[in-house]
Amino acid sequence: MYFSDAAALVLILLIVLCCLFVLVVWIWAIVDILRSRFDSDTTKLIWILLVVFLPLLGTLLYWIIGRGQRQSM
């Protein structure tokens, strides 16, 4: 399957935008973890390690589970 030059350019642009989106969400998760209070420092450390070493899965799990574990300020 071959793409025209315009279609290939659009596909590359879409891939780059998706990668940038993932990178921004990953950085946002790390900053959110560092700025938040958790029940213990161990919980914070576990979330940081999970997000850093398993970027996609860790970030997704943090946004689904971890944000609910934060203490209200």
PDB file of N, CA and C in Angstrom:
ATOM      1  N   MET A   1       0.848  -1.167   0.000  1.00  0.00           N
ATOM      2  CA  MET A   1       0.000   0.000   0.000  1.00  0.00           C
ATOM      3  C   MET A   1       0.899   1.237   0.000  1.00  0.00           C
ATOM      4  N   TYR A   2       0.729   2.084  -0.947  1.00  0.00           N
ATOM      5  CA  TYR A   2       1.527   3.289  -1.073  1.00  0.00           C
ATOM      6  C   TYR A   2       0.655   4.513  -0.836  1.00  0.00           C
ATOM      7  N   PHE A   3       1.264   5.522  -0.229  1.00  0.00           N
ATOM      8  CA  PHE A   3       0.561   6.772   0.026  1.00  0.00           C
ATOM      9  C   PHE A   3       1.098   7.844  -0.904  1.00  0.00           C
ATOM     10  N   SER A   4       0.246   8.807  -1.209  1.00  0.00           N
ATOM     11  CA  SER A   4       0.739   9.964  -1.952  1.00  0.00           C
ATOM     12  C   SER A   4       1.574  10.812  -0.999  1.00  0.00           C
ATOM     13  N   ASP A   5       2.304  11.749  -1.535  1.00  0.00           N
ATOM     14  CA  ASP A   5       3.146  12.600  -0.697  1.00  0.00           C
ATOM     15  C   ASP A   5       2.328  13.370   0.334  1.00  0.00           C
ATOM     16  N   ALA A   6       1.174  13.861  -0.056  1.00  0.00           N
ATOM     17  CA  ALA A   6       0.333  14.621   0.862  1.00  0.00           C
ATOM     18  C   ALA A   6      -0.202  13.722   1.977  1.00  0.00           C
ATOM     19  N   ALA A   7      -0.627  12.526   1.630  1.00  0.00           N
ATOM     20  CA  ALA A   7      -1.144  11.599   2.637  1.00  0.00           C
ATOM     21  C   ALA A   7      -0.043  11.172   3.601  1.00  0.00           C
ATOM     22  N   ALA A   8       1.151  10.965   3.093  1.00  0.00           N
ATOM     23  CA  ALA A   8       2.278  10.586   3.950  1.00  0.00           C
ATOM     24  C   ALA A   8       2.620  11.724   4.901  1.00  0.00           C
ATOM     25  N   LEU A   9       2.582  12.945   4.421  1.00  0.00           N
ATOM     26  CA  LEU A   9       2.861  14.100   5.257  1.00  0.00           C
ATOM     27  C   LEU A   9       1.822  14.241   6.367  1.00  0.00           C
ATOM     28  N   VAL A  10       0.575  14.052   6.025  1.00  0.00           N
ATOM     29  CA  VAL A  10      -0.504  14.123   7.018  1.00  0.00           C
ATOM     30  C   VAL A  10      -0.332  13.022   8.058  1.00  0.00           C
ATOM     31  N   LEU A  11       0.027  11.837   7.620  1.00  0.00           N
ATOM     32  CA  LEU A  11       0.236  10.718   8.537  1.00  0.00           C
ATOM     33  C   LEU A  11       1.401  10.996   9.479  1.00  0.00           C
ATOM     34  N   ILE A  12       2.487  11.513   8.964  1.00  0.00           N
ATOM     35  CA  ILE A  12       3.641  11.849   9.798  1.00  0.00           C
ATOM     36  C   ILE A  12       3.274  12.947  10.792  1.00  0.00           C
ATOM     37  N   LEU A  13       2.549  13.950  10.350  1.00  0.00           N
ATOM     38  CA  LEU A  13       2.117  15.031  11.231  1.00  0.00           C
ATOM     39  C   LEU A  13       1.216  14.502  12.342  1.00  0.00           C
ATOM     40  N   LEU A  14       0.322  13.602  12.010  1.00  0.00           N
ATOM     41  CA  LEU A  14      -0.575  13.004  12.999  1.00  0.00           C
ATOM     42  C   LEU A  14       0.212  12.197  14.035  1.00  0.00           C
ATOM     43  N   ILE A  15       1.187  11.457  13.589  1.00  0.00           N
ATOM     44  CA  ILE A  15       2.023  10.670  14.506  1.00  0.00           C
ATOM     45  C   ILE A  15       2.811  11.588  15.432  1.00  0.00           C
ATOM     46  N   VAL A  16       3.383  12.654  14.886  1.00  0.00           N
ATOM     47  CA  VAL A  16       4.146  13.604  15.696  1.00  0.00           C
ATOM     48  C   VAL A  16       3.244  14.273  16.725  1.00  0.00           C
ATOM     49  N   LEU A  17       2.054  14.678  16.337  1.00  0.00           N
ATOM     50  CA  LEU A  17       1.121  15.313  17.265  1.00  0.00           C
ATOM     51  C   LEU A  17       0.697  14.357  18.371  1.00  0.00           C
ATOM     52  N   CYS A  18       0.471  13.108  18.034  1.00  0.00           N
ATOM     53  CA  CYS A  18       0.112  12.104  19.042  1.00  0.00           C
ATOM     54  C   CYS A  18       1.264  11.894  20.027  1.00  0.00           C
ATOM     55  N   CYS A  19       2.473  11.836  19.524  1.00  0.00           N
ATOM     56  CA  CYS A  19       3.640  11.669  20.396  1.00  0.00           C
ATOM     57  C   CYS A  19       3.820  12.877  21.310  1.00  0.00           C
ATOM     58  N   LEU A  20       3.614  14.065  20.783  1.00  0.00           N
ATOM     59  CA  LEU A  20       3.708  15.265  21.607  1.00  0.00           C
ATOM     60  C   LEU A  20       2.631  15.278  22.681  1.00  0.00           C
ATOM     61  N   PHE A  21       1.427  14.864  22.345  1.00  0.00           N
ATOM     62  CA  PHE A  21       0.340  14.785  23.311  1.00  0.00           C
ATOM     63  C   PHE A  21       0.692  13.821  24.439  1.00  0.00           C
ATOM     64  N   VAL A  22       1.199  12.650  24.086  1.00  0.00           N
ATOM     65  CA  VAL A  22       1.594  11.655  25.090  1.00  0.00           C
ATOM     66  C   VAL A  22       2.704  12.212  25.978  1.00  0.00           C
ATOM     67  N   LEU A  23       3.676  12.892  25.390  1.00  0.00           N
ATOM     68  CA  LEU A  23       4.775  13.481  26.156  1.00  0.00           C
ATOM     69  C   LEU A  23       4.263  14.537  27.133  1.00  0.00           C
ATOM     70  N   VAL A  24       3.369  15.394  26.686  1.00  0.00           N
ATOM     71  CA  VAL A  24       2.818  16.441  27.550  1.00  0.00           C
ATOM     72  C   VAL A  24       2.030  15.829  28.701  1.00  0.00           C
ATOM     73  N   VAL A  25       1.213  14.833  28.427  1.00  0.00           N
ATOM     74  CA  VAL A  25       0.429  14.174  29.484  1.00  0.00           C
ATOM     75  C   VAL A  25       1.360  13.471  30.466  1.00  0.00           C
ATOM     76  N   TRP A  26       2.439  12.859  29.977  1.00  0.00           N
ATOM     77  CA  TRP A  26       3.416  12.182  30.834  1.00  0.00           C
ATOM     78  C   TRP A  26       4.092  13.182  31.773  1.00  0.00           C
ATOM     79  N   ILE A  27       4.539  14.315  31.223  1.00  0.00           N
ATOM     80  CA  ILE A  27       5.181  15.346  32.047  1.00  0.00           C
ATOM     81  C   ILE A  27       4.180  15.926  33.045  1.00  0.00           C
ATOM     82  N   TRP A  28       2.956  16.122  32.602  1.00  0.00           N
ATOM     83  CA  TRP A  28       1.903  16.654  33.475  1.00  0.00           C
ATOM     84  C   TRP A  28       1.671  15.694  34.641  1.00  0.00           C
ATOM     85  N   ALA A  29       1.666  14.414  34.397  1.00  0.00           N
ATOM     86  CA  ALA A  29       1.470  13.425  35.455  1.00  0.00           C
ATOM     87  C   ALA A  29       2.613  13.490  36.462  1.00  0.00           C
ATOM     88  N   ILE A  30       3.851  13.583  35.983  1.00  0.00           N
ATOM     89  CA  ILE A  30       5.001  13.654  36.891  1.00  0.00           C
ATOM     90  C   ILE A  30       4.926  14.910  37.755  1.00  0.00           C
ATOM     91  N   VAL A  31       4.622  16.038  37.150  1.00  0.00           N
ATOM     92  CA  VAL A  31       4.509  17.288  37.904  1.00  0.00           C
ATOM     93  C   VAL A  31       3.368  17.189  38.910  1.00  0.00           C
ATOM     94  N   ASP A  32       2.250  16.619  38.511  1.00  0.00           N
ATOM     95  CA  ASP A  32       1.100  16.467  39.402  1.00  0.00           C
ATOM     96  C   ASP A  32       1.452  15.582  40.601  1.00  0.00           C
ATOM     97  N   ILE A  33       2.184  14.520  40.367  1.00  0.00           N
ATOM     98  CA  ILE A  33       2.601  13.633  41.463  1.00  0.00           C
ATOM     99  C   ILE A  33       3.523  14.381  42.417  1.00  0.00           C
ATOM    100  N   LEU A  34       4.498  15.095  41.873  1.00  0.00           N
ATOM    101  CA  LEU A  34       5.462  15.798  42.715  1.00  0.00           C
ATOM    102  C   LEU A  34       4.822  16.912  43.542  1.00  0.00           C
ATOM    103  N   ARG A  35       3.797  17.539  43.020  1.00  0.00           N
ATOM    104  CA  ARG A  35       3.147  18.649  43.721  1.00  0.00           C
ATOM    105  C   ARG A  35       2.051  18.189  44.670  1.00  0.00           C
ATOM    106  N   SER A  36       1.622  16.952  44.583  1.00  0.00           N
ATOM    107  CA  SER A  36       0.505  16.465  45.386  1.00  0.00           C
ATOM    108  C   SER A  36       0.984  15.838  46.687  1.00  0.00           C
ATOM    109  N   ARG A  37       0.084  15.806  47.637  1.00  0.00           N
ATOM    110  CA  ARG A  37       0.339  15.118  48.904  1.00  0.00           C
ATOM    111  C   ARG A  37      -0.370  13.779  48.878  1.00  0.00           C
ATOM    112  N   PHE A  38       0.344  12.763  49.346  1.00  0.00           N
ATOM    113  CA  PHE A  38      -0.217  11.428  49.452  1.00  0.00           C
ATOM    114  C   PHE A  38      -0.163  11.009  50.916  1.00  0.00           C
ATOM    115  N   ASP A  39      -0.789   9.881  51.246  1.00  0.00           N
ATOM    116  CA  ASP A  39      -0.783   9.393  52.625  1.00  0.00           C
ATOM    117  C   ASP A  39       0.634   9.157  53.130  1.00  0.00           C
ATOM    118  N   SER A  40       1.515   8.717  52.246  1.00  0.00           N
ATOM    119  CA  SER A  40       2.904   8.488  52.647  1.00  0.00           C
ATOM    120  C   SER A  40       3.821   8.855  51.488  1.00  0.00           C
ATOM    121  N   ASP A  41       5.065   9.090  51.835  1.00  0.00           N
ATOM    122  CA  ASP A  41       6.053   9.386  50.794  1.00  0.00           C
ATOM    123  C   ASP A  41       6.318   8.157  49.935  1.00  0.00           C
ATOM    124  N   THR A  42       6.105   6.980  50.500  1.00  0.00           N
ATOM    125  CA  THR A  42       6.297   5.741  49.748  1.00  0.00           C
ATOM    126  C   THR A  42       5.305   5.666  48.589  1.00  0.00           C
ATOM    127  N   THR A  43       4.080   6.071  48.825  1.00  0.00           N
ATOM    128  CA  THR A  43       3.070   6.067  47.760  1.00  0.00           C
ATOM    129  C   THR A  43       3.496   6.991  46.625  1.00  0.00           C
ATOM    130  N   LYS A  44       3.976   8.167  46.991  1.00  0.00           N
ATOM    131  CA  LYS A  44       4.445   9.126  45.976  1.00  0.00           C
ATOM    132  C   LYS A  44       5.607   8.534  45.184  1.00  0.00           C
ATOM    133  N   LEU A  45       6.552   7.908  45.888  1.00  0.00           N
ATOM    134  CA  LEU A  45       7.709   7.303  45.228  1.00  0.00           C
ATOM    135  C   LEU A  45       7.280   6.190  44.271  1.00  0.00           C
ATOM    136  N   ILE A  46       6.343   5.372  44.699  1.00  0.00           N
ATOM    137  CA  ILE A  46       5.858   4.284  43.841  1.00  0.00           C
ATOM    138  C   ILE A  46       5.229   4.852  42.573  1.00  0.00           C
ATOM    139  N   TRP A  47       4.417   5.893  42.704  1.00  0.00           N
ATOM    140  CA  TRP A  47       3.795   6.490  41.518  1.00  0.00           C
ATOM    141  C   TRP A  47       4.837   7.099  40.588  1.00  0.00           C
ATOM    142  N   ILE A  48       5.824   7.784  41.157  1.00  0.00           N
ATOM    143  CA  ILE A  48       6.886   8.364  40.323  1.00  0.00           C
ATOM    144  C   ILE A  48       7.624   7.265  39.567  1.00  0.00           C
ATOM    145  N   LEU A  49       8.022   6.213  40.261  1.00  0.00           N
ATOM    146  CA  LEU A  49       8.744   5.116  39.610  1.00  0.00           C
ATOM    147  C   LEU A  49       7.895   4.449  38.537  1.00  0.00           C
ATOM    148  N   LEU A  50       6.616   4.251  38.824  1.00  0.00           N
ATOM    149  CA  LEU A  50       5.725   3.612  37.857  1.00  0.00           C
ATOM    150  C   LEU A  50       5.578   4.467  36.597  1.00  0.00           C
ATOM    151  N   VAL A  51       5.395   5.758  36.785  1.00  0.00           N
ATOM    152  CA  VAL A  51       5.212   6.654  35.631  1.00  0.00           C
ATOM    153  C   VAL A  51       6.509   6.808  34.833  1.00  0.00           C
ATOM    154  N   VAL A  52       7.644   6.839  35.520  1.00  0.00           N
ATOM    155  CA  VAL A  52       8.918   7.028  34.817  1.00  0.00           C
ATOM    156  C   VAL A  52       9.336   5.770  34.057  1.00  0.00           C
ATOM    157  N   PHE A  53       9.200   4.592  34.686  1.00  0.00           N
ATOM    158  CA  PHE A  53       9.700   3.375  34.060  1.00  0.00           C
ATOM    159  C   PHE A  53       8.679   2.676  33.158  1.00  0.00           C
ATOM    160  N   LEU A  54       7.414   2.957  33.336  1.00  0.00           N
ATOM    161  CA  LEU A  54       6.364   2.443  32.443  1.00  0.00           C
ATOM    162  C   LEU A  54       5.510   3.630  31.994  1.00  0.00           C
ATOM    163  N   PRO A  55       6.042   4.460  31.101  1.00  0.00           N
ATOM    164  CA  PRO A  55       5.399   5.746  30.799  1.00  0.00           C
ATOM    165  C   PRO A  55       3.926   5.667  30.394  1.00  0.00           C
ATOM    166  N   LEU A  56       3.585   4.869  29.432  1.00  0.00           N
ATOM    167  CA  LEU A  56       2.189   4.844  28.985  1.00  0.00           C
ATOM    168  C   LEU A  56       1.273   4.206  30.018  1.00  0.00           C
ATOM    169  N   LEU A  57       1.629   3.029  30.471  1.00  0.00           N
ATOM    170  CA  LEU A  57       0.795   2.323  31.444  1.00  0.00           C
ATOM    171  C   LEU A  57       0.777   3.058  32.779  1.00  0.00           C
ATOM    172  N   GLY A  58       1.938   3.520  33.232  1.00  0.00           N
ATOM    173  CA  GLY A  58       2.017   4.223  34.508  1.00  0.00           C
ATOM    174  C   GLY A  58       1.203   5.503  34.514  1.00  0.00           C
ATOM    175  N   THR A  59       1.292   6.265  33.436  1.00  0.00           N
ATOM    176  CA  THR A  59       0.524   7.512  33.350  1.00  0.00           C
ATOM    177  C   THR A  59      -0.967   7.228  33.326  1.00  0.00           C
ATOM    178  N   LEU A  60      -1.358   6.262  32.551  1.00  0.00           N
ATOM    179  CA  LEU A  60      -2.780   5.898  32.484  1.00  0.00           C
ATOM    180  C   LEU A  60      -3.288   5.448  33.846  1.00  0.00           C
ATOM    181  N   LEU A  61      -2.532   4.586  34.529  1.00  0.00           N
ATOM    182  CA  LEU A  61      -2.939   4.119  35.856  1.00  0.00           C
ATOM    183  C   LEU A  61      -2.980   5.267  36.864  1.00  0.00           C
ATOM    184  N   TYR A  62      -2.030   6.187  36.771  1.00  0.00           N
ATOM    185  CA  TYR A  62      -2.040   7.320  37.688  1.00  0.00           C
ATOM    186  C   TYR A  62      -3.290   8.162  37.499  1.00  0.00           C
ATOM    187  N   TRP A  63      -3.647   8.463  36.252  1.00  0.00           N
ATOM    188  CA  TRP A  63      -4.824   9.309  36.020  1.00  0.00           C
ATOM    189  C   TRP A  63      -6.110   8.602  36.415  1.00  0.00           C
ATOM    190  N   ILE A  64      -6.127   7.256  36.348  1.00  0.00           N
ATOM    191  CA  ILE A  64      -7.333   6.505  36.724  1.00  0.00           C
ATOM    192  C   ILE A  64      -7.383   6.242  38.232  1.00  0.00           C
ATOM    193  N   ILE A  65      -6.268   5.815  38.825  1.00  0.00           N
ATOM    194  CA  ILE A  65      -6.254   5.368  40.220  1.00  0.00           C
ATOM    195  C   ILE A  65      -5.567   6.369  41.147  1.00  0.00           C
ATOM    196  N   GLY A  66      -4.390   6.825  40.742  1.00  0.00           N
ATOM    197  CA  GLY A  66      -3.543   7.612  41.629  1.00  0.00           C
ATOM    198  C   GLY A  66      -4.106   8.947  42.049  1.00  0.00           C
ATOM    199  N   ARG A  67      -4.806   9.612  41.154  1.00  0.00           N
ATOM    200  CA  ARG A  67      -5.352  10.924  41.508  1.00  0.00           C
ATOM    201  C   ARG A  67      -6.379  10.815  42.622  1.00  0.00           C
ATOM    202  N   GLY A  68      -7.021   9.676  42.753  1.00  0.00           N
ATOM    203  CA  GLY A  68      -7.971   9.470  43.836  1.00  0.00           C
ATOM    204  C   GLY A  68      -7.299   9.208  45.172  1.00  0.00           C
ATOM    205  N   GLN A  69      -6.011   8.887  45.163  1.00  0.00           N
ATOM    206  CA  GLN A  69      -5.266   8.599  46.375  1.00  0.00           C
ATOM    207  C   GLN A  69      -4.647   9.850  46.999  1.00  0.00           C
ATOM    208  N   ARG A  70      -4.743  10.955  46.321  1.00  0.00           N
ATOM    209  CA  ARG A  70      -4.146  12.188  46.833  1.00  0.00           C
ATOM    210  C   ARG A  70      -4.944  12.697  48.020  1.00  0.00           C
ATOM    211  N   GLN A  71      -4.270  13.412  48.902  1.00  0.00           N
ATOM    212  CA  GLN A  71      -4.941  14.061  50.015  1.00  0.00           C
ATOM    213  C   GLN A  71      -5.426  15.422  49.569  1.00  0.00           C
ATOM    214  N   SER A  72      -6.559  15.843  50.091  1.00  0.00           N
ATOM    215  CA  SER A  72      -7.019  17.181  49.768  1.00  0.00           C
ATOM    216  C   SER A  72      -6.219  18.177  50.585  1.00  0.00           C
ATOM    217  N   MET A  73      -5.942  19.319  49.986  1.00  0.00           N
ATOM    218  CA  MET A  73      -5.088  20.308  50.664  1.00  0.00           C
ATOM    219  C   MET A  73      -5.907  21.292  51.443  1.00  0.00           C
TER     220      MET A  73
END
